[in-house]
Amino acid sequence: MVDAQPNQTNRGSNTREMSKPTYKKFDMDDSSAAVH
């Protein structure tokens, strides 16, 4: 999951997103928007 994230700085926020089953639906571009 994190491998799809080019931004390693967002790993902390992404970890929180992993709790959501919808996280898998997010693409690299969408995941950035999810952090916001």
C-alpha atoms as a PDB file:
ATOM      1  CA  MET A   1       0.000   0.000   0.000  1.00  0.00           C
ATOM      2  CA  VAL A   2       2.697   2.443   1.052  1.00  0.00           C
ATOM      3  CA  ASP A   3       4.711   1.356  -1.991  1.00  0.00           C
ATOM      4  CA  ALA A   4       2.133   3.101  -4.143  1.00  0.00           C
ATOM      5  CA  GLN A   5       2.898   6.303  -2.280  1.00  0.00           C
ATOM      6  CA  PRO A   6       5.756   8.333  -3.834  1.00  0.00           C
ATOM      7  CA  ASN A   7       5.516  10.722  -0.899  1.00  0.00           C
ATOM      8  CA  GLN A   8       7.178   9.001   2.042  1.00  0.00           C
ATOM      9  CA  THR A   9       6.462  12.056   4.169  1.00  0.00           C
ATOM     10  CA  ASN A  10       2.781  11.128   4.090  1.00  0.00           C
ATOM     11  CA  ARG A  11       3.354   7.642   5.470  1.00  0.00           C
ATOM     12  CA  GLY A  12       2.087   8.724   8.888  1.00  0.00           C
ATOM     13  CA  SER A  13      -1.171  10.029   7.434  1.00  0.00           C
ATOM     14  CA  ASN A  14      -1.463   7.053   5.089  1.00  0.00           C
ATOM     15  CA  THR A  15      -1.224   4.656   8.004  1.00  0.00           C
ATOM     16  CA  ARG A  16      -4.344   6.263   9.423  1.00  0.00           C
ATOM     17  CA  GLU A  17      -6.052   5.913   6.064  1.00  0.00           C
ATOM     18  CA  MET A  18      -5.228   2.194   5.985  1.00  0.00           C
ATOM     19  CA  SER A  19      -7.782   1.748   8.760  1.00  0.00           C
ATOM     20  CA  LYS A  20     -10.420   2.592   6.189  1.00  0.00           C
ATOM     21  CA  PRO A  21     -11.398  -0.177   3.727  1.00  0.00           C
ATOM     22  CA  THR A  22     -11.905   2.532   1.117  1.00  0.00           C
ATOM     23  CA  TYR A  23      -8.172   3.242   1.216  1.00  0.00           C
ATOM     24  CA  LYS A  24      -7.636   0.474  -1.325  1.00  0.00           C
ATOM     25  CA  LYS A  25      -9.865   2.411  -3.709  1.00  0.00           C
ATOM     26  CA  PHE A  26      -7.507   5.359  -3.579  1.00  0.00           C
ATOM     27  CA  ASP A  27      -4.874   5.754  -6.279  1.00  0.00           C
ATOM     28  CA  MET A  28      -1.562   7.565  -5.838  1.00  0.00           C
ATOM     29  CA  ASP A  29      -3.228  10.814  -6.908  1.00  0.00           C
ATOM     30  CA  ASP A  30      -6.387  10.227  -4.884  1.00  0.00           C
ATOM     31  CA  SER A  31      -4.513   9.206  -1.745  1.00  0.00           C
ATOM     32  CA  SER A  32      -2.895  12.640  -1.599  1.00  0.00           C
ATOM     33  CA  ALA A  33      -6.336  14.221  -1.609  1.00  0.00           C
ATOM     34  CA  ALA A  34      -7.455  11.797   1.094  1.00  0.00           C
ATOM     35  CA  VAL A  35      -4.702  13.015   3.394  1.00  0.00           C
ATOM     36  CA  HIS A  36      -6.164  16.479   3.100  1.00  0.00           C
END
